[in-house]
């Protein structure tokens, strides 16, 4: 695709999600959640987090803090063509 055709889509907004981890819980445990409850995720603390664009996994990275806000340092761009 030439540069002029790519310019058309460069301003299109997409949903970007950083996924720290996942857990699978029975509904009974979900409805019993309260402030202070803890949910153990499947991922280990040192595992990379996922960067999803419109629900598609495109990269992996590390959680960082920048000026009191969370951020993501990209460590690997995945082959999205496969």
C-alpha atoms as a PDB file:
ATOM      1  CA  UNK A   1       0.000   0.000   0.000  1.00  0.00           C
ATOM      2  CA  UNK A   2       1.519   3.345  -0.971  1.00  0.00           C
ATOM      3  CA  UNK A   3       1.965   6.207   1.496  1.00  0.00           C
ATOM      4  CA  UNK A   4      -0.979   8.268   0.212  1.00  0.00           C
ATOM      5  CA  UNK A   5      -3.414   5.390   0.707  1.00  0.00           C
ATOM      6  CA  UNK A   6      -2.064   4.725   4.229  1.00  0.00           C
ATOM      7  CA  UNK A   7      -2.624   8.388   5.179  1.00  0.00           C
ATOM      8  CA  UNK A   8      -6.384   7.799   4.896  1.00  0.00           C
ATOM      9  CA  UNK A   9      -6.419   5.351   7.816  1.00  0.00           C
ATOM     10  CA  UNK A  10      -3.749   6.913  10.055  1.00  0.00           C
ATOM     11  CA  UNK A  11      -6.289   9.024  11.994  1.00  0.00           C
ATOM     12  CA  UNK A  12      -8.748   6.165  12.558  1.00  0.00           C
ATOM     13  CA  UNK A  13      -9.103   5.550  16.311  1.00  0.00           C
ATOM     14  CA  UNK A  14      -8.701   1.979  17.543  1.00  0.00           C
ATOM     15  CA  UNK A  15      -9.275   0.421  20.963  1.00  0.00           C
ATOM     16  CA  UNK A  16      -5.955  -0.289  22.700  1.00  0.00           C
ATOM     17  CA  UNK A  17      -6.009  -2.624  25.720  1.00  0.00           C
ATOM     18  CA  UNK A  18      -3.189  -3.704  28.014  1.00  0.00           C
ATOM     19  CA  UNK A  19      -4.059  -7.054  29.572  1.00  0.00           C
ATOM     20  CA  UNK A  20      -2.265  -7.771  32.816  1.00  0.00           C
ATOM     21  CA  UNK A  21      -3.659 -11.261  33.238  1.00  0.00           C
ATOM     22  CA  UNK A  22      -6.709 -13.465  33.362  1.00  0.00           C
ATOM     23  CA  UNK A  23      -8.517 -15.646  35.848  1.00  0.00           C
ATOM     24  CA  UNK A  24     -11.414 -18.047  35.620  1.00  0.00           C
ATOM     25  CA  UNK A  25     -13.814 -17.974  38.570  1.00  0.00           C
ATOM     26  CA  UNK A  26     -17.189 -19.502  39.290  1.00  0.00           C
ATOM     27  CA  UNK A  27     -20.038 -16.970  39.295  1.00  0.00           C
ATOM     28  CA  UNK A  28     -20.552 -17.677  43.012  1.00  0.00           C
ATOM     29  CA  UNK A  29     -17.125 -16.163  43.753  1.00  0.00           C
ATOM     30  CA  UNK A  30     -17.773 -13.176  41.471  1.00  0.00           C
ATOM     31  CA  UNK A  31     -20.972 -12.151  43.260  1.00  0.00           C
ATOM     32  CA  UNK A  32     -19.216 -12.490  46.616  1.00  0.00           C
ATOM     33  CA  UNK A  33     -16.440 -10.013  45.667  1.00  0.00           C
ATOM     34  CA  UNK A  34     -16.108  -6.983  47.910  1.00  0.00           C
ATOM     35  CA  UNK A  35     -13.572  -4.177  48.425  1.00  0.00           C
ATOM     36  CA  UNK A  36     -10.275  -5.693  49.507  1.00  0.00           C
ATOM     37  CA  UNK A  37     -10.934  -9.025  47.764  1.00  0.00           C
ATOM     38  CA  UNK A  38      -7.990 -10.475  45.874  1.00  0.00           C
ATOM     39  CA  UNK A  39      -8.088 -12.372  42.597  1.00  0.00           C
ATOM     40  CA  UNK A  40      -5.110 -14.512  41.674  1.00  0.00           C
ATOM     41  CA  UNK A  41      -4.250 -14.269  37.966  1.00  0.00           C
ATOM     42  CA  UNK A  42      -2.872 -17.136  35.884  1.00  0.00           C
ATOM     43  CA  UNK A  43       0.197 -15.125  34.882  1.00  0.00           C
ATOM     44  CA  UNK A  44       3.369 -14.921  36.935  1.00  0.00           C
ATOM     45  CA  UNK A  45       4.604 -11.501  38.059  1.00  0.00           C
ATOM     46  CA  UNK A  46       7.536 -11.642  35.627  1.00  0.00           C
ATOM     47  CA  UNK A  47       5.450 -12.660  32.594  1.00  0.00           C
ATOM     48  CA  UNK A  48       4.994 -10.003  29.899  1.00  0.00           C
ATOM     49  CA  UNK A  49       1.629  -8.274  29.607  1.00  0.00           C
ATOM     50  CA  UNK A  50      -0.346  -8.268  26.369  1.00  0.00           C
ATOM     51  CA  UNK A  51      -1.072  -5.296  24.117  1.00  0.00           C
ATOM     52  CA  UNK A  52      -4.267  -5.776  22.142  1.00  0.00           C
ATOM     53  CA  UNK A  53      -5.507  -3.529  19.348  1.00  0.00           C
ATOM     54  CA  UNK A  54      -9.214  -3.965  18.677  1.00  0.00           C
ATOM     55  CA  UNK A  55      -8.998  -7.269  20.550  1.00  0.00           C
ATOM     56  CA  UNK A  56      -6.083  -8.642  18.513  1.00  0.00           C
ATOM     57  CA  UNK A  57      -2.793  -9.416  20.278  1.00  0.00           C
ATOM     58  CA  UNK A  58      -0.070  -7.342  18.597  1.00  0.00           C
ATOM     59  CA  UNK A  59       2.720  -6.943  21.160  1.00  0.00           C
ATOM     60  CA  UNK A  60       4.076  -7.889  24.581  1.00  0.00           C
ATOM     61  CA  UNK A  61       5.612  -5.622  27.152  1.00  0.00           C
ATOM     62  CA  UNK A  62       6.365  -4.628  30.726  1.00  0.00           C
ATOM     63  CA  UNK A  63       4.266  -2.425  32.979  1.00  0.00           C
ATOM     64  CA  UNK A  64       6.068   0.802  33.872  1.00  0.00           C
ATOM     65  CA  UNK A  65       5.172   3.931  35.841  1.00  0.00           C
ATOM     66  CA  UNK A  66       5.567   7.320  34.146  1.00  0.00           C
ATOM     67  CA  UNK A  67       4.738  10.455  36.171  1.00  0.00           C
ATOM     68  CA  UNK A  68       2.412   8.543  38.535  1.00  0.00           C
ATOM     69  CA  UNK A  69       0.596   6.844  35.641  1.00  0.00           C
ATOM     70  CA  UNK A  70       0.873   3.300  34.396  1.00  0.00           C
ATOM     71  CA  UNK A  71       2.448   2.751  31.005  1.00  0.00           C
ATOM     72  CA  UNK A  72       3.674  -0.090  28.824  1.00  0.00           C
ATOM     73  CA  UNK A  73       7.225  -0.622  27.604  1.00  0.00           C
ATOM     74  CA  UNK A  74       6.987  -2.711  24.407  1.00  0.00           C
ATOM     75  CA  UNK A  75       9.430  -5.624  24.495  1.00  0.00           C
ATOM     76  CA  UNK A  76       8.217  -7.625  21.492  1.00  0.00           C
ATOM     77  CA  UNK A  77       6.112  -6.899  18.406  1.00  0.00           C
ATOM     78  CA  UNK A  78       4.272 -10.037  17.283  1.00  0.00           C
ATOM     79  CA  UNK A  79       3.830 -11.200  13.707  1.00  0.00           C
ATOM     80  CA  UNK A  80       0.220 -10.160  13.095  1.00  0.00           C
ATOM     81  CA  UNK A  81       0.115 -11.598   9.578  1.00  0.00           C
ATOM     82  CA  UNK A  82      -0.102 -15.222  10.773  1.00  0.00           C
END
